[in-house]
C-alpha atoms as a PDB file:
ATOM      1  CA  MET A   1      91.805 113.168 100.725  1.00  0.00           C
ATOM      2  CA  LYS A   2      92.036 109.521  99.767  1.00  0.00           C
ATOM      3  CA  VAL A   3      90.313 106.868 101.833  1.00  0.00           C
ATOM      4  CA  SER A   4      92.569 104.800 104.049  1.00  0.00           C
ATOM      5  CA  VAL A   5      93.440 101.248 103.124  1.00  0.00           C
ATOM      6  CA  LEU A   6      91.571  99.674 106.010  1.00  0.00           C
ATOM      7  CA  SER A   7      88.666 102.061 106.491  1.00  0.00           C
ATOM      8  CA  PHE A   8      85.189 101.964 105.089  1.00  0.00           C
ATOM      9  CA  ALA A   9      83.548 105.350 105.195  1.00  0.00           C
ATOM     10  CA  VAL A  10      79.970 104.281 104.576  1.00  0.00           C
ATOM     11  CA  LEU A  11      77.926 104.031 107.756  1.00  0.00           C
ATOM     12  CA  LEU A  12      76.090 100.750 107.563  1.00  0.00           C
ATOM     13  CA  ILE A  13      74.044  99.872 110.601  1.00  0.00           C
ATOM     14  CA  ALA A  14      73.385  96.352 111.758  1.00  0.00           C
ATOM     15  CA  GLY A  15      69.963  96.331 110.118  1.00  0.00           C
ATOM     16  CA  PRO A  16      68.030  98.628 107.767  1.00  0.00           C
ATOM     17  CA  LEU A  17      65.893 101.483 109.023  1.00  0.00           C
ATOM     18  CA  VAL A  18      63.241 100.599 106.476  1.00  0.00           C
ATOM     19  CA  ALA A  19      62.030  97.444 104.854  1.00  0.00           C
ATOM     20  CA  VAL A  20      64.309  95.999 102.188  1.00  0.00           C
ATOM     21  CA  PRO A  21      64.073  92.666 100.432  1.00  0.00           C
ATOM     22  CA  ASP A  22      65.227  89.805 102.659  1.00  0.00           C
ATOM     23  CA  ASP A  23      67.445  88.484  99.863  1.00  0.00           C
ATOM     24  CA  LEU A  24      69.402  91.758  99.774  1.00  0.00           C
ATOM     25  CA  ASP A  25      70.071  91.587 103.512  1.00  0.00           C
ATOM     26  CA  ASP A  26      71.042  87.926 103.204  1.00  0.00           C
ATOM     27  CA  ALA A  27      73.385  88.630 100.288  1.00  0.00           C
ATOM     28  CA  PHE A  28      74.936  91.535 102.151  1.00  0.00           C
ATOM     29  CA  GLN A  29      75.609  89.372 105.199  1.00  0.00           C
ATOM     30  CA  SER A  30      77.129  86.644 103.014  1.00  0.00           C
ATOM     31  CA  LEU A  31      79.429  89.193 101.410  1.00  0.00           C
ATOM     32  CA  LYS A  32      80.564  90.501 104.793  1.00  0.00           C
ATOM     33  CA  ASP A  33      81.244  86.948 105.936  1.00  0.00           C
ATOM     34  CA  ALA A  34      83.321  86.210 102.812  1.00  0.00           C
ATOM     35  CA  GLU A  35      85.240  89.471 103.176  1.00  0.00           C
ATOM     36  CA  SER A  36      86.048  88.797 106.832  1.00  0.00           C
ATOM     37  CA  LYS A  37      87.378  85.356 105.837  1.00  0.00           C
ATOM     38  CA  LYS A  38      89.428  86.855 102.970  1.00  0.00           C
ATOM     39  CA  ASP A  39      87.817  84.348 100.622  1.00  0.00           C
ATOM     40  CA  ALA A  40      88.537  86.091  97.326  1.00  0.00           C
ATOM     41  CA  GLY A  41      86.455  83.784  95.167  1.00  0.00           C
ATOM     42  CA  GLN A  42      83.390  84.184  97.346  1.00  0.00           C
ATOM     43  CA  VAL A  43      83.935  87.918  97.708  1.00  0.00           C
ATOM     44  CA  LYS A  44      83.887  88.306  93.936  1.00  0.00           C
ATOM     45  CA  LYS A  45      80.781  86.132  93.597  1.00  0.00           C
ATOM     46  CA  LYS A  46      78.846  87.623  96.514  1.00  0.00           C
ATOM     47  CA  ALA A  47      79.790  91.180  95.524  1.00  0.00           C
ATOM     48  CA  ALA A  48      78.210  90.632  92.104  1.00  0.00           C
ATOM     49  CA  GLU A  49      75.074  89.107  93.593  1.00  0.00           C
ATOM     50  CA  THR A  50      74.714  91.809  96.247  1.00  0.00           C
ATOM     51  CA  ARG A  51      75.347  94.601  93.761  1.00  0.00           C
ATOM     52  CA  ALA A  52      72.631  93.314  91.433  1.00  0.00           C
ATOM     53  CA  LEU A  53      70.080  93.135  94.242  1.00  0.00           C
ATOM     54  CA  ALA A  54      71.014  96.591  95.545  1.00  0.00           C
ATOM     55  CA  ARG A  55      70.606  98.076  92.087  1.00  0.00           C
ATOM     56  CA  GLN A  56      67.159  96.562  91.802  1.00  0.00           C
ATOM     57  CA  VAL A  57      66.163  98.517  94.893  1.00  0.00           C
ATOM     58  CA  THR A  58      67.733 101.819  93.807  1.00  0.00           C
ATOM     59  CA  ALA A  59      66.317 101.570  90.289  1.00  0.00           C
ATOM     60  CA  ALA A  60      62.731 100.930  91.411  1.00  0.00           C
ATOM     61  CA  SER A  61      60.198 103.746  91.094  1.00  0.00           C
ATOM     62  CA  VAL A  62      58.284 104.993  94.131  1.00  0.00           C
ATOM     63  CA  PRO A  63      54.925 103.203  94.128  1.00  0.00           C
ATOM     64  CA  GLU A  64      51.721 105.182  94.558  1.00  0.00           C
ATOM     65  CA  GLY A  65      50.701 105.628  98.163  1.00  0.00           C
ATOM     66  CA  VAL A  66      54.124 104.749  99.618  1.00  0.00           C
ATOM     67  CA  ASP A  67      55.798 107.102 102.080  1.00  0.00           C
ATOM     68  CA  LYS A  68      58.439 108.896  99.974  1.00  0.00           C
ATOM     69  CA  GLU A  69      60.765 109.548 102.918  1.00  0.00           C
ATOM     70  CA  ALA A  70      60.778 105.890 103.876  1.00  0.00           C
ATOM     71  CA  TRP A  71      61.353 104.925 100.241  1.00  0.00           C
ATOM     72  CA  ALA A  72      64.303 107.347 100.032  1.00  0.00           C
ATOM     73  CA  LYS A  73      65.853 105.776 103.142  1.00  0.00           C
ATOM     74  CA  ARG A  74      65.352 102.347 101.623  1.00  0.00           C
ATOM     75  CA  ALA A  75      67.176 103.436  98.450  1.00  0.00           C
ATOM     76  CA  ALA A  76      69.979 105.115 100.418  1.00  0.00           C
ATOM     77  CA  TYR A  77      70.536 101.937 102.405  1.00  0.00           C
ATOM     78  CA  ALA A  78      70.759  99.941  99.186  1.00  0.00           C
ATOM     79  CA  ARG A  79      73.287 102.431  97.773  1.00  0.00           C
ATOM     80  CA  ASP A  80      75.403 102.032 100.895  1.00  0.00           C
ATOM     81  CA  ILE A  81      75.344  98.280 100.410  1.00  0.00           C
ATOM     82  CA  GLU A  82      76.367  98.697  96.780  1.00  0.00           C
ATOM     83  CA  LEU A  83      79.295 100.852  97.879  1.00  0.00           C
ATOM     84  CA  TYR A  84      80.290  98.160 100.345  1.00  0.00           C
ATOM     85  CA  THR A  85      80.589  95.702  97.455  1.00  0.00           C
ATOM     86  CA  GLU A  86      83.278  97.970  96.000  1.00  0.00           C
ATOM     87  CA  TYR A  87      85.056  98.177  99.336  1.00  0.00           C
ATOM     88  CA  ALA A  88      84.979  94.391  99.748  1.00  0.00           C
ATOM     89  CA  LEU A  89      86.658  93.859  96.366  1.00  0.00           C
ATOM     90  CA  TYR A  90      89.268  96.503  97.156  1.00  0.00           C
ATOM     91  CA  ALA A  91      90.043  95.404 100.714  1.00  0.00           C
ATOM     92  CA  THR A  92      90.353  91.756  99.701  1.00  0.00           C
ATOM     93  CA  ALA A  93      92.628  92.646  96.776  1.00  0.00           C
ATOM     94  CA  THR A  94      95.066  94.511  99.026  1.00  0.00           C
ATOM     95  CA  GLN A  95      95.758  91.285 100.934  1.00  0.00           C
ATOM     96  CA  ALA A  96      95.492  88.765  98.092  1.00  0.00           C
ATOM     97  CA  PRO A  97      98.168  87.160  95.885  1.00  0.00           C
ATOM     98  CA  ALA A  98      99.059  89.123  92.758  1.00  0.00           C
ATOM     99  CA  ALA A  99      96.921  87.202  90.254  1.00  0.00           C
ATOM    100  CA  THR A 100      93.890  87.382  92.544  1.00  0.00           C
ATOM    101  CA  ALA A 101      94.445  91.094  93.171  1.00  0.00           C
ATOM    102  CA  VAL A 102      94.468  91.744  89.412  1.00  0.00           C
ATOM    103  CA  ASP A 103      91.214  89.820  89.031  1.00  0.00           C
ATOM    104  CA  LEU A 104      89.449  91.632  91.872  1.00  0.00           C
ATOM    105  CA  LEU A 105      90.643  95.109  90.939  1.00  0.00           C
ATOM    106  CA  SER A 106      89.868  94.669  87.246  1.00  0.00           C
ATOM    107  CA  THR A 107      86.390  93.544  88.329  1.00  0.00           C
ATOM    108  CA  LEU A 108      86.001  96.677  90.436  1.00  0.00           C
ATOM    109  CA  GLU A 109      87.253  98.775  87.531  1.00  0.00           C
ATOM    110  CA  GLN A 110      84.655  97.257  85.199  1.00  0.00           C
ATOM    111  CA  GLU A 111      81.810  97.690  87.681  1.00  0.00           C
ATOM    112  CA  ASN A 112      82.612 101.284  88.615  1.00  0.00           C
ATOM    113  CA  PRO A 113      85.645 102.989  87.025  1.00  0.00           C
ATOM    114  CA  LYS A 114      84.934 106.015  89.230  1.00  0.00           C
ATOM    115  CA  SER A 115      85.011 104.079  92.500  1.00  0.00           C
ATOM    116  CA  LYS A 116      86.765 106.018  95.232  1.00  0.00           C
ATOM    117  CA  TYR A 117      88.507 102.804  96.250  1.00  0.00           C
ATOM    118  CA  LEU A 118      90.269 102.593  92.893  1.00  0.00           C
ATOM    119  CA  ASP A 119      91.875 105.964  93.583  1.00  0.00           C
ATOM    120  CA  GLU A 120      93.981 104.278  96.249  1.00  0.00           C
ATOM    121  CA  ALA A 121      94.256 100.867  94.619  1.00  0.00           C
ATOM    122  CA  TYR A 122      96.494 101.643  91.647  1.00  0.00           C
ATOM    123  CA  PRO A 123      99.857 100.996  93.359  1.00  0.00           C
ATOM    124  CA  ARG A 124      98.666  97.496  94.276  1.00  0.00           C
ATOM    125  CA  TYR A 125      97.010  97.018  90.881  1.00  0.00           C
ATOM    126  CA  PHE A 126     100.114  98.044  88.923  1.00  0.00           C
ATOM    127  CA  GLY A 127     102.418  96.077  91.199  1.00  0.00           C
ATOM    128  CA  ALA A 128     100.292  92.967  90.740  1.00  0.00           C
ATOM    129  CA  LEU A 129     100.265  93.422  86.966  1.00  0.00           C
ATOM    130  CA  ASN A 130     104.075  93.621  87.026  1.00  0.00           C
ATOM    131  CA  GLN A 131     104.314  90.495  89.152  1.00  0.00           C
ATOM    132  CA  THR A 132     102.053  88.521  86.807  1.00  0.00           C
ATOM    133  CA  GLY A 133     103.841  89.527  83.596  1.00  0.00           C
ATOM    134  CA  GLN A 134     101.148  91.945  82.486  1.00  0.00           C
ATOM    135  CA  ALA A 135     103.067  95.222  82.765  1.00  0.00           C
ATOM    136  CA  ALA A 136     102.259  96.087  79.147  1.00  0.00           C
ATOM    137  CA  LYS A 137      98.651  96.702  80.212  1.00  0.00           C
ATOM    138  CA  ILE A 138      99.540  99.410  82.715  1.00  0.00           C
ATOM    139  CA  PRO A 139      99.785 102.471  80.396  1.00  0.00           C
ATOM    140  CA  ALA A 140      96.373 101.812  78.846  1.00  0.00           C
ATOM    141  CA  ILE A 141      94.781 101.340  82.268  1.00  0.00           C
ATOM    142  CA  ALA A 142      96.366 104.579  83.497  1.00  0.00           C
ATOM    143  CA  GLU A 143      95.219 106.443  80.379  1.00  0.00           C
ATOM    144  CA  LYS A 144      91.592 105.494  81.009  1.00  0.00           C
ATOM    145  CA  ALA A 145      91.745 106.042  84.751  1.00  0.00           C
ATOM    146  CA  ILE A 146      93.212 109.551  84.660  1.00  0.00           C
ATOM    147  CA  ALA A 147      89.896 110.901  83.345  1.00  0.00           C
ATOM    148  CA  HIS A 148      88.297 109.903  86.651  1.00  0.00           C
ATOM    149  CA  PHE A 149      91.258 110.635  88.950  1.00  0.00           C
ATOM    150  CA  PRO A 150      93.112 113.594  87.370  1.00  0.00           C
ATOM    151  CA  GLU A 151      95.303 114.208  90.457  1.00  0.00           C
ATOM    152  CA  ASN A 152      96.300 110.621  91.197  1.00  0.00           C
ATOM    153  CA  GLU A 153     100.090 110.660  91.484  1.00  0.00           C
ATOM    154  CA  ASP A 154     100.465 106.977  90.617  1.00  0.00           C
ATOM    155  CA  LEU A 155      98.610 107.433  87.323  1.00  0.00           C
ATOM    156  CA  LEU A 156     100.421 110.663  86.448  1.00  0.00           C
ATOM    157  CA  LEU A 157     103.810 109.068  87.120  1.00  0.00           C
ATOM    158  CA  VAL A 158     103.022 106.130  84.816  1.00  0.00           C
ATOM    159  CA  LEU A 159     101.764 108.446  82.078  1.00  0.00           C
ATOM    160  CA  ALA A 160     104.743 110.812  82.316  1.00  0.00           C
ATOM    161  CA  ASP A 161     107.231 107.933  82.159  1.00  0.00           C
ATOM    162  CA  THR A 162     105.364 106.235  79.312  1.00  0.00           C
ATOM    163  CA  ALA A 163     105.258 109.426  77.240  1.00  0.00           C
ATOM    164  CA  LEU A 164     108.962 110.072  77.848  1.00  0.00           C
ATOM    165  CA  ASN A 165     109.878 106.530  76.789  1.00  0.00           C
ATOM    166  CA  ARG A 166     107.804 106.957  73.626  1.00  0.00           C
ATOM    167  CA  LYS A 167     109.527 110.305  72.931  1.00  0.00           C
ATOM    168  CA  GLN A 168     106.203 112.134  73.250  1.00  0.00           C
ATOM    169  CA  ASN A 169     107.846 115.114  74.885  1.00  0.00           C
ATOM    170  CA  ASP A 170     104.828 117.424  74.965  1.00  0.00           C
ATOM    171  CA  ARG A 171     102.732 114.800  76.741  1.00  0.00           C
ATOM    172  CA  ALA A 172     105.602 113.876  79.047  1.00  0.00           C
ATOM    173  CA  LEU A 173     106.040 117.494  80.109  1.00  0.00           C
ATOM    174  CA  GLY A 174     102.320 118.016  80.671  1.00  0.00           C
ATOM    175  CA  HIS A 175     101.966 114.925  82.845  1.00  0.00           C
ATOM    176  CA  ALA A 176     105.182 115.698  84.746  1.00  0.00           C
ATOM    177  CA  GLN A 177     104.023 119.222  85.556  1.00  0.00           C
ATOM    178  CA  ARG A 178     100.626 117.937  86.680  1.00  0.00           C
ATOM    179  CA  LEU A 179     102.382 115.351  88.844  1.00  0.00           C
ATOM    180  CA  VAL A 180     104.542 117.936  90.596  1.00  0.00           C
ATOM    181  CA  ALA A 181     101.559 120.254  91.131  1.00  0.00           C
ATOM    182  CA  ALA A 182      99.354 117.455  92.475  1.00  0.00           C
ATOM    183  CA  LEU A 183     101.998 116.304  94.950  1.00  0.00           C
ATOM    184  CA  GLY A 184     102.279 119.856  96.196  1.00  0.00           C
ATOM    185  CA  ARG A 185      98.603 119.747  97.133  1.00  0.00           C
ATOM    186  CA  HIS A 186      98.499 116.243  98.597  1.00  0.00           C
ATOM    187  CA  SER A 187      98.850 115.436 102.265  1.00  0.00           C
ATOM    188  CA  LYS A 188      99.787 112.096 103.755  1.00  0.00           C
ATOM    189  CA  PRO A 189      97.043 109.521 103.136  1.00  0.00           C
ATOM    190  CA  GLU A 190      95.290 108.331 106.268  1.00  0.00           C
ATOM    191  CA  GLY A 191      96.828 105.145 107.584  1.00  0.00           C
ATOM    192  CA  MET A 192     100.127 105.441 105.694  1.00  0.00           C
ATOM    193  CA  PRO A 193     103.249 105.802 107.858  1.00  0.00           C
ATOM    194  CA  ALA A 194     104.814 109.237 107.497  1.00  0.00           C
ATOM    195  CA  ALA A 195     108.161 107.791 106.398  1.00  0.00           C
ATOM    196  CA  ASP A 196     106.506 105.736 103.658  1.00  0.00           C
ATOM    197  CA  TRP A 197     104.609 108.748 102.346  1.00  0.00           C
ATOM    198  CA  GLU A 198     107.718 110.926 102.383  1.00  0.00           C
ATOM    199  CA  ARG A 199     109.646 108.291 100.462  1.00  0.00           C
ATOM    200  CA  LYS A 200     106.896 107.802  97.888  1.00  0.00           C
ATOM    201  CA  LYS A 201     106.386 111.551  97.462  1.00  0.00           C
ATOM    202  CA  ASN A 202     110.107 112.230  97.007  1.00  0.00           C
ATOM    203  CA  VAL A 203     110.484 109.522  94.380  1.00  0.00           C
ATOM    204  CA  ALA A 204     107.517 110.839  92.407  1.00  0.00           C
ATOM    205  CA  LEU A 205     108.590 114.480  92.796  1.00  0.00           C
ATOM    206  CA  GLY A 206     112.119 113.650  91.702  1.00  0.00           C
ATOM    207  CA  ARG A 207     110.836 111.832  88.650  1.00  0.00           C
ATOM    208  CA  GLY A 208     108.412 114.620  87.765  1.00  0.00           C
ATOM    209  CA  HIS A 209     111.063 117.337  88.029  1.00  0.00           C
ATOM    210  CA  TRP A 210     113.571 115.239  86.075  1.00  0.00           C
ATOM    211  CA  ILE A 211     111.163 114.597  83.188  1.00  0.00           C
ATOM    212  CA  ALA A 212     110.153 118.257  83.042  1.00  0.00           C
ATOM    213  CA  GLY A 213     113.800 119.360  83.216  1.00  0.00           C
ATOM    214  CA  PHE A 214     114.844 116.951  80.483  1.00  0.00           C
ATOM    215  CA  VAL A 215     112.103 118.106  78.107  1.00  0.00           C
ATOM    216  CA  HIS A 216     112.899 121.772  78.769  1.00  0.00           C
ATOM    217  CA  SER A 217     116.580 121.022  78.132  1.00  0.00           C
ATOM    218  CA  GLU A 218     115.763 119.306  74.834  1.00  0.00           C
ATOM    219  CA  ARG A 219     113.704 122.354  73.849  1.00  0.00           C
ATOM    220  CA  LYS A 220     116.590 124.666  74.734  1.00  0.00           C
ATOM    221  CA  GLU A 221     114.421 126.267  77.434  1.00  0.00           C
ATOM    222  CA  TYR A 222     117.454 126.539  79.658  1.00  0.00           C
ATOM    223  CA  PHE A 223     116.169 128.549  82.598  1.00  0.00           C
ATOM    224  CA  GLN A 224     113.063 126.353  83.033  1.00  0.00           C
ATOM    225  CA  ALA A 225     115.242 123.267  82.685  1.00  0.00           C
ATOM    226  CA  ASP A 226     117.666 124.522  85.331  1.00  0.00           C
ATOM    227  CA  THR A 227     114.822 125.097  87.822  1.00  0.00           C
ATOM    228  CA  ASP A 228     113.392 121.600  87.423  1.00  0.00           C
ATOM    229  CA  LEU A 229     116.742 119.817  87.296  1.00  0.00           C
ATOM    230  CA  ARG A 230     117.945 121.526  90.477  1.00  0.00           C
ATOM    231  CA  ALA A 231     114.694 120.505  92.185  1.00  0.00           C
ATOM    232  CA  ALA A 232     115.217 116.902  91.052  1.00  0.00           C
ATOM    233  CA  LEU A 233     118.879 116.681  92.112  1.00  0.00           C
ATOM    234  CA  PRO A 234     118.473 116.143  95.894  1.00  0.00           C
ATOM    235  CA  LEU A 235     115.681 113.604  95.291  1.00  0.00           C
ATOM    236  CA  MET A 236     117.802 111.186  93.232  1.00  0.00           C
ATOM    237  CA  LYS A 237     119.221 109.233  96.171  1.00  0.00           C
ATOM    238  CA  GLY A 238     119.507 105.569  95.235  1.00  0.00           C
ATOM    239  CA  ASP A 239     118.969 106.113  91.496  1.00  0.00           C
ATOM    240  CA  GLU A 240     122.448 106.463  90.065  1.00  0.00           C
ATOM    241  CA  ALA A 241     121.402 106.270  86.418  1.00  0.00           C
ATOM    242  CA  THR A 242     118.922 109.143  86.693  1.00  0.00           C
ATOM    243  CA  LEU A 243     121.296 111.106  88.931  1.00  0.00           C
ATOM    244  CA  ALA A 244     123.929 110.931  86.184  1.00  0.00           C
ATOM    245  CA  ALA A 245     121.389 112.176  83.622  1.00  0.00           C
ATOM    246  CA  VAL A 246     120.279 115.041  85.875  1.00  0.00           C
ATOM    247  CA  LEU A 247     123.895 116.136  86.421  1.00  0.00           C
ATOM    248  CA  PHE A 248     124.663 115.774  82.715  1.00  0.00           C
ATOM    249  CA  HIS A 249     121.797 118.055  81.712  1.00  0.00           C
ATOM    250  CA  LEU A 250     122.527 120.496  84.521  1.00  0.00           C
ATOM    251  CA  GLY A 251     125.973 120.819  82.977  1.00  0.00           C
ATOM    252  CA  LEU A 252     124.530 121.475  79.531  1.00  0.00           C
ATOM    253  CA  VAL A 253     121.916 124.020  80.566  1.00  0.00           C
ATOM    254  CA  ASN A 254     124.165 125.957  82.924  1.00  0.00           C
ATOM    255  CA  TYR A 255     126.854 126.129  80.268  1.00  0.00           C
ATOM    256  CA  GLN A 256     124.333 127.662  77.878  1.00  0.00           C
ATOM    257  CA  ILE A 257     122.987 130.028  80.530  1.00  0.00           C
ATOM    258  CA  GLY A 258     126.527 131.102  81.379  1.00  0.00           C
ATOM    259  CA  ARG A 259     127.320 131.826  77.743  1.00  0.00           C
ATOM    260  CA  LEU A 260     124.046 133.667  77.139  1.00  0.00           C
ATOM    261  CA  THR A 261     124.447 135.865  80.228  1.00  0.00           C
ATOM    262  CA  LEU A 262     128.260 136.147  80.109  1.00  0.00           C
ATOM    263  CA  ASN A 263     128.312 134.611  83.581  1.00  0.00           C
ATOM    264  CA  ARG A 264     131.612 132.825  84.191  1.00  0.00           C
ATOM    265  CA  ALA A 265     130.417 131.376  87.507  1.00  0.00           C
ATOM    266  CA  ARG A 266     127.650 129.542  85.694  1.00  0.00           C
ATOM    267  CA  VAL A 267     130.083 128.013  83.227  1.00  0.00           C
ATOM    268  CA  VAL A 268     132.359 126.917  86.082  1.00  0.00           C
ATOM    269  CA  GLU A 269     129.346 125.366  87.814  1.00  0.00           C
ATOM    270  CA  ALA A 270     128.389 123.631  84.555  1.00  0.00           C
ATOM    271  CA  ALA A 271     131.856 122.063  84.431  1.00  0.00           C
ATOM    272  CA  ARG A 272     131.459 120.866  88.010  1.00  0.00           C
ATOM    273  CA  PHE A 273     128.081 119.253  87.213  1.00  0.00           C
ATOM    274  CA  SER A 274     129.659 117.558  84.194  1.00  0.00           C
ATOM    275  CA  ASP A 275     132.554 116.234  86.278  1.00  0.00           C
ATOM    276  CA  GLN A 276     130.083 114.779  88.779  1.00  0.00           C
ATOM    277  CA  ALA A 277     128.170 113.089  85.948  1.00  0.00           C
ATOM    278  CA  ALA A 278     131.432 111.710  84.546  1.00  0.00           C
ATOM    279  CA  ALA A 279     132.236 110.126  87.907  1.00  0.00           C
ATOM    280  CA  ILE A 280     129.151 107.868  87.656  1.00  0.00           C
ATOM    281  CA  ASN A 281     129.725 104.784  85.530  1.00  0.00           C
ATOM    282  CA  GLY A 282     127.268 104.656  82.656  1.00  0.00           C
ATOM    283  CA  PRO A 283     126.614 105.659  79.052  1.00  0.00           C
ATOM    284  CA  LEU A 284     126.894 109.399  79.800  1.00  0.00           C
ATOM    285  CA  ALA A 285     130.221 109.303  81.635  1.00  0.00           C
ATOM    286  CA  GLN A 286     132.587 109.744  78.699  1.00  0.00           C
ATOM    287  CA  GLN A 287     130.614 112.554  77.070  1.00  0.00           C
ATOM    288  CA  ALA A 288     130.236 114.299  80.407  1.00  0.00           C
ATOM    289  CA  TRP A 289     134.006 114.152  80.898  1.00  0.00           C
ATOM    290  CA  ARG A 290     134.557 115.727  77.465  1.00  0.00           C
ATOM    291  CA  ASN A 291     131.907 118.367  78.174  1.00  0.00           C
ATOM    292  CA  GLY A 292     133.609 119.295  81.429  1.00  0.00           C
ATOM    293  CA  GLY A 293     136.898 119.918  79.610  1.00  0.00           C
ATOM    294  CA  VAL A 294     135.243 122.161  77.026  1.00  0.00           C
ATOM    295  CA  MET A 295     133.428 124.087  79.755  1.00  0.00           C
ATOM    296  CA  ARG A 296     136.571 124.702  81.801  1.00  0.00           C
ATOM    297  CA  ALA A 297     138.365 125.937  78.695  1.00  0.00           C
ATOM    298  CA  GLU A 298     135.470 128.304  77.967  1.00  0.00           C
ATOM    299  CA  ALA A 299     135.438 129.571  81.552  1.00  0.00           C
ATOM    300  CA  ALA A 300     139.173 130.311  81.334  1.00  0.00           C
ATOM    301  CA  LYS A 301     138.520 132.658  78.410  1.00  0.00           C
ATOM    302  CA  MET A 302     135.808 134.583  80.290  1.00  0.00           C
ATOM    303  CA  ARG A 303     136.448 137.481  82.632  1.00  0.00           C
END
């Protein structure tokens, strides 16, 4: 499960159990102070300083004659502090203006591309990139990140859409299928209102099923296309353009299924889907209207 937006899972006590360098404790306290004040510039600076000091502790070898258990606790404490530096960048970015959020999250990405906080940060990161005119960077960021977060729905949605727009149908289908499967396994993230999660999940599911259905339709894999397109249909509320495309392709695939199986009811249903697509203003309306006429004529010949 993803970490919640406002929680920090690492258990950091008020002071260390074992001796650590005073400058690490001082840097850690300065970072906490900057984070509590939402001072993004200081958070970035103090996170870098604290991280460097923590890594000095964790990288040091156990000296001869030193209690190994105490040394291990010392290193574990330093690792917890290093993890807090990631949290501080993430938490500050979620409440910062777009340009600042991009700066903080790209810093976190450079320091630790596997950070668990990035797994939840991509909606804010991508939104901030859009707001600052840097949307062109999003596909490349998603491509790198998916290696570390293979079930992240935000990354999979970007990659599926990008591949579809580039007419890379094999990649689009693969990412869309992974997206649908991942969403089937995900539960509501901690701290997210149920209504918000349901809305986000439905949008992503609808998009995943639509992309998969479209690619199957293009491949003339009619039965697979029909399954995905029917799953997408009730999730298209508020997206008239995609709804028209879903209905258009449902008309095409059901017409072909009806002809292949000599099923008149399927051809009649295909005509109905085409009529519904024709009723939505857009580039598909005229062709859908013509398709519906052909389909009704075909159904009239069938017994």
